[in-house]
Amino acid sequence: MIAVEFGLITCMGVFNPVFAIYRLDQVPTDRVARTLSAWSETSKAAAAVLGACWQASPAPAPRSRSPACSS
């Protein structure tokens, strides 16, 4: 399981910058700064929303021990 997580994180670490460069190449030169600002603001807003959702989500219920495991 750890190897799968490591591979996934590695792939994301390679894919995201390469895809960002590809997308930035598609933007006209006079709009690069505006595009980067929009990406930055969107990223910050998404992090704030996800953080708020994480805080608002209820804690998981405690697991009860099954009778077969009790001694």
PDB file of N, CA and C in Angstrom:
ATOM      1  N   MET A   1       0.816  -1.185   0.000  1.00  0.00           N
ATOM      2  CA  MET A   1       0.000   0.000   0.000  1.00  0.00           C
ATOM      3  C   MET A   1       0.865   1.257   0.000  1.00  0.00           C
ATOM      4  N   ILE A   2       1.944   1.234   0.733  1.00  0.00           N
ATOM      5  CA  ILE A   2       2.832   2.388   0.785  1.00  0.00           C
ATOM      6  C   ILE A   2       3.462   2.634  -0.585  1.00  0.00           C
ATOM      7  N   ALA A   3       3.790   1.580  -1.293  1.00  0.00           N
ATOM      8  CA  ALA A   3       4.384   1.732  -2.619  1.00  0.00           C
ATOM      9  C   ALA A   3       3.393   2.372  -3.594  1.00  0.00           C
ATOM     10  N   VAL A   4       2.123   2.012  -3.478  1.00  0.00           N
ATOM     11  CA  VAL A   4       1.096   2.603  -4.344  1.00  0.00           C
ATOM     12  C   VAL A   4       0.960   4.093  -4.045  1.00  0.00           C
ATOM     13  N   GLU A   5       0.916   4.447  -2.769  1.00  0.00           N
ATOM     14  CA  GLU A   5       0.824   5.855  -2.388  1.00  0.00           C
ATOM     15  C   GLU A   5       2.050   6.625  -2.872  1.00  0.00           C
ATOM     16  N   PHE A   6       3.215   6.051  -2.703  1.00  0.00           N
ATOM     17  CA  PHE A   6       4.445   6.702  -3.159  1.00  0.00           C
ATOM     18  C   PHE A   6       4.407   6.917  -4.666  1.00  0.00           C
ATOM     19  N   GLY A   7       3.970   5.900  -5.408  1.00  0.00           N
ATOM     20  CA  GLY A   7       3.882   6.033  -6.864  1.00  0.00           C
ATOM     21  C   GLY A   7       2.885   7.092  -7.276  1.00  0.00           C
ATOM     22  N   LEU A   8       1.760   7.150  -6.600  1.00  0.00           N
ATOM     23  CA  LEU A   8       0.736   8.146  -6.917  1.00  0.00           C
ATOM     24  C   LEU A   8       1.238   9.554  -6.635  1.00  0.00           C
ATOM     25  N   ILE A   9       1.868   9.755  -5.507  1.00  0.00           N
ATOM     26  CA  ILE A   9       2.414  11.068  -5.160  1.00  0.00           C
ATOM     27  C   ILE A   9       3.513  11.464  -6.142  1.00  0.00           C
ATOM     28  N   THR A  10       4.348  10.517  -6.531  1.00  0.00           N
ATOM     29  CA  THR A  10       5.407  10.803  -7.500  1.00  0.00           C
ATOM     30  C   THR A  10       4.818  11.199  -8.846  1.00  0.00           C
ATOM     31  N   CYS A  11       3.813  10.473  -9.304  1.00  0.00           N
ATOM     32  CA  CYS A  11       3.177  10.804 -10.587  1.00  0.00           C
ATOM     33  C   CYS A  11       2.530  12.182 -10.542  1.00  0.00           C
ATOM     34  N   MET A  12       1.873  12.509  -9.430  1.00  0.00           N
ATOM     35  CA  MET A  12       1.266  13.838  -9.313  1.00  0.00           C
ATOM     36  C   MET A  12       2.334  14.919  -9.302  1.00  0.00           C
ATOM     37  N   GLY A  13       3.452  14.644  -8.645  1.00  0.00           N
ATOM     38  CA  GLY A  13       4.539  15.613  -8.585  1.00  0.00           C
ATOM     39  C   GLY A  13       5.170  15.884  -9.933  1.00  0.00           C
ATOM     40  N   VAL A  14       5.123  14.905 -10.823  1.00  0.00           N
ATOM     41  CA  VAL A  14       5.660  15.095 -12.171  1.00  0.00           C
ATOM     42  C   VAL A  14       4.594  15.682 -13.098  1.00  0.00           C
ATOM     43  N   PHE A  15       3.367  15.184 -12.991  1.00  0.00           N
ATOM     44  CA  PHE A  15       2.304  15.597 -13.913  1.00  0.00           C
ATOM     45  C   PHE A  15       1.907  17.055 -13.733  1.00  0.00           C
ATOM     46  N   ASN A  16       1.712  17.497 -12.503  1.00  0.00           N
ATOM     47  CA  ASN A  16       1.189  18.848 -12.269  1.00  0.00           C
ATOM     48  C   ASN A  16       2.065  19.948 -12.869  1.00  0.00           C
ATOM     49  N   PRO A  17       3.372  19.984 -12.647  1.00  0.00           N
ATOM     50  CA  PRO A  17       4.169  21.043 -13.260  1.00  0.00           C
ATOM     51  C   PRO A  17       4.224  20.946 -14.789  1.00  0.00           C
ATOM     52  N   VAL A  18       4.284  19.730 -15.311  1.00  0.00           N
ATOM     53  CA  VAL A  18       4.332  19.567 -16.768  1.00  0.00           C
ATOM     54  C   VAL A  18       3.028  20.054 -17.388  1.00  0.00           C
ATOM     55  N   PHE A  19       1.895  19.709 -16.785  1.00  0.00           N
ATOM     56  CA  PHE A  19       0.601  20.139 -17.313  1.00  0.00           C
ATOM     57  C   PHE A  19       0.423  21.651 -17.159  1.00  0.00           C
ATOM     58  N   ALA A  20       0.931  22.216 -16.066  1.00  0.00           N
ATOM     59  CA  ALA A  20       0.843  23.671 -15.885  1.00  0.00           C
ATOM     60  C   ALA A  20       1.639  24.397 -16.967  1.00  0.00           C
ATOM     61  N   ILE A  21       2.809  23.883 -17.304  1.00  0.00           N
ATOM     62  CA  ILE A  21       3.607  24.502 -18.370  1.00  0.00           C
ATOM     63  C   ILE A  21       2.879  24.390 -19.700  1.00  0.00           C
ATOM     64  N   TYR A  22       2.284  23.244 -19.962  1.00  0.00           N
ATOM     65  CA  TYR A  22       1.522  23.069 -21.204  1.00  0.00           C
ATOM     66  C   TYR A  22       0.361  24.059 -21.275  1.00  0.00           C
ATOM     67  N   ARG A  23      -0.376  24.176 -20.177  1.00  0.00           N
ATOM     68  CA  ARG A  23      -1.508  25.106 -20.160  1.00  0.00           C
ATOM     69  C   ARG A  23      -1.042  26.551 -20.301  1.00  0.00           C
ATOM     70  N   LEU A  24       0.072  26.892 -19.680  1.00  0.00           N
ATOM     71  CA  LEU A  24       0.585  28.257 -19.755  1.00  0.00           C
ATOM     72  C   LEU A  24       1.061  28.589 -21.161  1.00  0.00           C
ATOM     73  N   ASP A  25       1.554  27.589 -21.880  1.00  0.00           N
ATOM     74  CA  ASP A  25       1.969  27.815 -23.270  1.00  0.00           C
ATOM     75  C   ASP A  25       0.778  28.145 -24.166  1.00  0.00           C
ATOM     76  N   GLN A  26      -0.429  27.724 -23.781  1.00  0.00           N
ATOM     77  CA  GLN A  26      -1.621  27.981 -24.581  1.00  0.00           C
ATOM     78  C   GLN A  26      -2.175  29.397 -24.377  1.00  0.00           C
ATOM     79  N   VAL A  27      -1.723  30.072 -23.314  1.00  0.00           N
ATOM     80  CA  VAL A  27      -2.227  31.404 -22.977  1.00  0.00           C
ATOM     81  C   VAL A  27      -1.450  32.458 -23.770  1.00  0.00           C
ATOM     82  N   PRO A  28      -2.147  33.459 -24.313  1.00  0.00           N
ATOM     83  CA  PRO A  28      -1.423  34.539 -24.995  1.00  0.00           C
ATOM     84  C   PRO A  28      -0.447  35.231 -24.042  1.00  0.00           C
ATOM     85  N   THR A  29       0.638  35.711 -24.578  1.00  0.00           N
ATOM     86  CA  THR A  29       1.719  36.280 -23.772  1.00  0.00           C
ATOM     87  C   THR A  29       1.245  37.437 -22.897  1.00  0.00           C
ATOM     88  N   ASP A  30       0.330  38.247 -23.389  1.00  0.00           N
ATOM     89  CA  ASP A  30      -0.119  39.405 -22.612  1.00  0.00           C
ATOM     90  C   ASP A  30      -1.050  39.023 -21.458  1.00  0.00           C
ATOM     91  N   ARG A  31      -1.411  37.755 -21.334  1.00  0.00           N
ATOM     92  CA  ARG A  31      -2.320  37.329 -20.261  1.00  0.00           C
ATOM     93  C   ARG A  31      -1.679  36.355 -19.279  1.00  0.00           C
ATOM     94  N   VAL A  32      -0.377  36.168 -19.362  1.00  0.00           N
ATOM     95  CA  VAL A  32       0.294  35.195 -18.489  1.00  0.00           C
ATOM     96  C   VAL A  32       0.197  35.614 -17.023  1.00  0.00           C
ATOM     97  N   ALA A  33       0.500  36.872 -16.726  1.00  0.00           N
ATOM     98  CA  ALA A  33       0.462  37.335 -15.327  1.00  0.00           C
ATOM     99  C   ALA A  33      -0.952  37.211 -14.764  1.00  0.00           C
ATOM    100  N   ARG A  34      -1.940  37.558 -15.572  1.00  0.00           N
ATOM    101  CA  ARG A  34      -3.332  37.466 -15.130  1.00  0.00           C
ATOM    102  C   ARG A  34      -3.718  36.005 -14.864  1.00  0.00           C
ATOM    103  N   THR A  35      -3.268  35.115 -15.711  1.00  0.00           N
ATOM    104  CA  THR A  35      -3.570  33.696 -15.544  1.00  0.00           C
ATOM    105  C   THR A  35      -2.919  33.147 -14.274  1.00  0.00           C
ATOM    106  N   LEU A  36      -1.665  33.500 -14.046  1.00  0.00           N
ATOM    107  CA  LEU A  36      -0.980  33.031 -12.843  1.00  0.00           C
ATOM    108  C   LEU A  36      -1.648  33.566 -11.579  1.00  0.00           C
ATOM    109  N   SER A  37      -2.097  34.810 -11.612  1.00  0.00           N
ATOM    110  CA  SER A  37      -2.810  35.383 -10.466  1.00  0.00           C
ATOM    111  C   SER A  37      -4.116  34.637 -10.220  1.00  0.00           C
ATOM    112  N   ALA A  38      -4.842  34.325 -11.289  1.00  0.00           N
ATOM    113  CA  ALA A  38      -6.099  33.589 -11.149  1.00  0.00           C
ATOM    114  C   ALA A  38      -5.853  32.200 -10.580  1.00  0.00           C
ATOM    115  N   TRP A  39      -4.809  31.529 -11.045  1.00  0.00           N
ATOM    116  CA  TRP A  39      -4.483  30.197 -10.522  1.00  0.00           C
ATOM    117  C   TRP A  39      -4.155  30.275  -9.039  1.00  0.00           C
ATOM    118  N   SER A  40      -3.396  31.301  -8.650  1.00  0.00           N
ATOM    119  CA  SER A  40      -3.002  31.453  -7.257  1.00  0.00           C
ATOM    120  C   SER A  40      -4.220  31.694  -6.371  1.00  0.00           C
ATOM    121  N   GLU A  41      -5.097  32.605  -6.791  1.00  0.00           N
ATOM    122  CA  GLU A  41      -6.294  32.902  -6.003  1.00  0.00           C
ATOM    123  C   GLU A  41      -7.217  31.696  -5.920  1.00  0.00           C
ATOM    124  N   THR A  42      -7.374  30.987  -7.023  1.00  0.00           N
ATOM    125  CA  THR A  42      -8.230  29.798  -7.024  1.00  0.00           C
ATOM    126  C   THR A  42      -7.672  28.728  -6.099  1.00  0.00           C
ATOM    127  N   SER A  43      -6.368  28.560  -6.117  1.00  0.00           N
ATOM    128  CA  SER A  43      -5.731  27.571  -5.254  1.00  0.00           C
ATOM    129  C   SER A  43      -5.938  27.915  -3.780  1.00  0.00           C
ATOM    130  N   LYS A  44      -5.774  29.190  -3.437  1.00  0.00           N
ATOM    131  CA  LYS A  44      -5.973  29.614  -2.047  1.00  0.00           C
ATOM    132  C   LYS A  44      -7.427  29.447  -1.616  1.00  0.00           C
ATOM    133  N   ALA A  45      -8.360  29.792  -2.509  1.00  0.00           N
ATOM    134  CA  ALA A  45      -9.777  29.652  -2.184  1.00  0.00           C
ATOM    135  C   ALA A  45     -10.153  28.178  -2.006  1.00  0.00           C
ATOM    136  N   ALA A  46      -9.637  27.325  -2.867  1.00  0.00           N
ATOM    137  CA  ALA A  46      -9.936  25.895  -2.759  1.00  0.00           C
ATOM    138  C   ALA A  46      -9.379  25.332  -1.456  1.00  0.00           C
ATOM    139  N   ALA A  47      -8.181  25.749  -1.075  1.00  0.00           N
ATOM    140  CA  ALA A  47      -7.592  25.279   0.182  1.00  0.00           C
ATOM    141  C   ALA A  47      -8.421  25.748   1.372  1.00  0.00           C
ATOM    142  N   ALA A  48      -8.930  26.981   1.323  1.00  0.00           N
ATOM    143  CA  ALA A  48      -9.753  27.499   2.416  1.00  0.00           C
ATOM    144  C   ALA A  48     -11.076  26.739   2.519  1.00  0.00           C
ATOM    145  N   VAL A  49     -11.716  26.479   1.371  1.00  0.00           N
ATOM    146  CA  VAL A  49     -12.987  25.760   1.375  1.00  0.00           C
ATOM    147  C   VAL A  49     -12.801  24.326   1.875  1.00  0.00           C
ATOM    148  N   LEU A  50     -11.775  23.651   1.378  1.00  0.00           N
ATOM    149  CA  LEU A  50     -11.537  22.278   1.817  1.00  0.00           C
ATOM    150  C   LEU A  50     -11.173  22.220   3.298  1.00  0.00           C
ATOM    151  N   GLY A  51     -10.412  23.201   3.761  1.00  0.00           N
ATOM    152  CA  GLY A  51     -10.082  23.259   5.187  1.00  0.00           C
ATOM    153  C   GLY A  51     -11.317  23.458   6.042  1.00  0.00           C
ATOM    154  N   ALA A  52     -12.226  24.327   5.587  1.00  0.00           N
ATOM    155  CA  ALA A  52     -13.470  24.552   6.325  1.00  0.00           C
ATOM    156  C   ALA A  52     -14.328  23.289   6.328  1.00  0.00           C
ATOM    157  N   CYS A  53     -14.386  22.602   5.197  1.00  0.00           N
ATOM    158  CA  CYS A  53     -15.156  21.347   5.134  1.00  0.00           C
ATOM    159  C   CYS A  53     -14.548  20.302   6.057  1.00  0.00           C
ATOM    160  N   TRP A  54     -13.236  20.253   6.115  1.00  0.00           N
ATOM    161  CA  TRP A  54     -12.553  19.286   6.974  1.00  0.00           C
ATOM    162  C   TRP A  54     -12.885  19.552   8.437  1.00  0.00           C
ATOM    163  N   GLN A  55     -12.883  20.835   8.832  1.00  0.00           N
ATOM    164  CA  GLN A  55     -13.181  21.195  10.219  1.00  0.00           C
ATOM    165  C   GLN A  55     -14.650  20.943  10.554  1.00  0.00           C
ATOM    166  N   ALA A  56     -15.527  21.127   9.579  1.00  0.00           N
ATOM    167  CA  ALA A  56     -16.960  20.986   9.825  1.00  0.00           C
ATOM    168  C   ALA A  56     -17.419  19.534   9.811  1.00  0.00           C
ATOM    169  N   SER A  57     -16.620  18.657   9.236  1.00  0.00           N
ATOM    170  CA  SER A  57     -17.044  17.255   9.150  1.00  0.00           C
ATOM    171  C   SER A  57     -17.016  16.621  10.540  1.00  0.00           C
ATOM    172  N   PRO A  58     -18.006  15.794  10.826  1.00  0.00           N
ATOM    173  CA  PRO A  58     -18.046  15.163  12.152  1.00  0.00           C
ATOM    174  C   PRO A  58     -16.928  14.135  12.310  1.00  0.00           C
ATOM    175  N   ALA A  59     -16.520  13.962  13.539  1.00  0.00           N
ATOM    176  CA  ALA A  59     -15.493  12.961  13.835  1.00  0.00           C
ATOM    177  C   ALA A  59     -16.088  11.573  13.634  1.00  0.00           C
ATOM    178  N   PRO A  60     -15.278  10.631  13.197  1.00  0.00           N
ATOM    179  CA  PRO A  60     -15.813   9.275  13.025  1.00  0.00           C
ATOM    180  C   PRO A  60     -16.220   8.678  14.366  1.00  0.00           C
ATOM    181  N   ALA A  61     -17.248   7.856  14.328  1.00  0.00           N
ATOM    182  CA  ALA A  61     -17.715   7.199  15.540  1.00  0.00           C
ATOM    183  C   ALA A  61     -16.668   6.197  16.026  1.00  0.00           C
ATOM    184  N   PRO A  62     -16.527   6.070  17.334  1.00  0.00           N
ATOM    185  CA  PRO A  62     -15.554   5.090  17.828  1.00  0.00           C
ATOM    186  C   PRO A  62     -15.966   3.666  17.444  1.00  0.00           C
ATOM    187  N   ARG A  63     -14.983   2.861  17.139  1.00  0.00           N
ATOM    188  CA  ARG A  63     -15.265   1.476  16.756  1.00  0.00           C
ATOM    189  C   ARG A  63     -15.549   0.657  18.010  1.00  0.00           C
ATOM    190  N   SER A  64     -16.578  -0.143  17.908  1.00  0.00           N
ATOM    191  CA  SER A  64     -16.882  -1.017  19.045  1.00  0.00           C
ATOM    192  C   SER A  64     -16.149  -2.338  18.817  1.00  0.00           C
ATOM    193  N   ARG A  65     -15.748  -2.931  19.907  1.00  0.00           N
ATOM    194  CA  ARG A  65     -15.052  -4.211  19.811  1.00  0.00           C
ATOM    195  C   ARG A  65     -16.085  -5.308  19.609  1.00  0.00           C
ATOM    196  N   SER A  66     -15.793  -6.185  18.691  1.00  0.00           N
ATOM    197  CA  SER A  66     -16.733  -7.289  18.460  1.00  0.00           C
ATOM    198  C   SER A  66     -16.586  -8.313  19.595  1.00  0.00           C
ATOM    199  N   PRO A  67     -17.655  -9.032  19.919  1.00  0.00           N
ATOM    200  CA  PRO A  67     -17.581 -10.007  21.018  1.00  0.00           C
ATOM    201  C   PRO A  67     -16.525 -11.079  20.801  1.00  0.00           C
ATOM    202  N   ALA A  68     -16.216 -11.380  19.556  1.00  0.00           N
ATOM    203  CA  ALA A  68     -15.235 -12.435  19.286  1.00  0.00           C
ATOM    204  C   ALA A  68     -13.825 -11.996  19.706  1.00  0.00           C
ATOM    205  N   CYS A  69     -13.594 -10.697  19.725  1.00  0.00           N
ATOM    206  CA  CYS A  69     -12.258 -10.202  20.060  1.00  0.00           C
ATOM    207  C   CYS A  69     -12.086  -9.940  21.550  1.00  0.00           C
ATOM    208  N   SER A  70     -13.166  -9.890  22.303  1.00  0.00           N
ATOM    209  CA  SER A  70     -13.037  -9.593  23.739  1.00  0.00           C
ATOM    210  C   SER A  70     -12.557 -10.831  24.489  1.00  0.00           C
ATOM    211  N   SER A  71     -11.823 -10.548  25.549  1.00  0.00           N
ATOM    212  CA  SER A  71     -11.297 -11.687  26.313  1.00  0.00           C
ATOM    213  C   SER A  71     -11.910 -11.781  27.686  1.00  0.00           C
TER     214      SER A  71
END
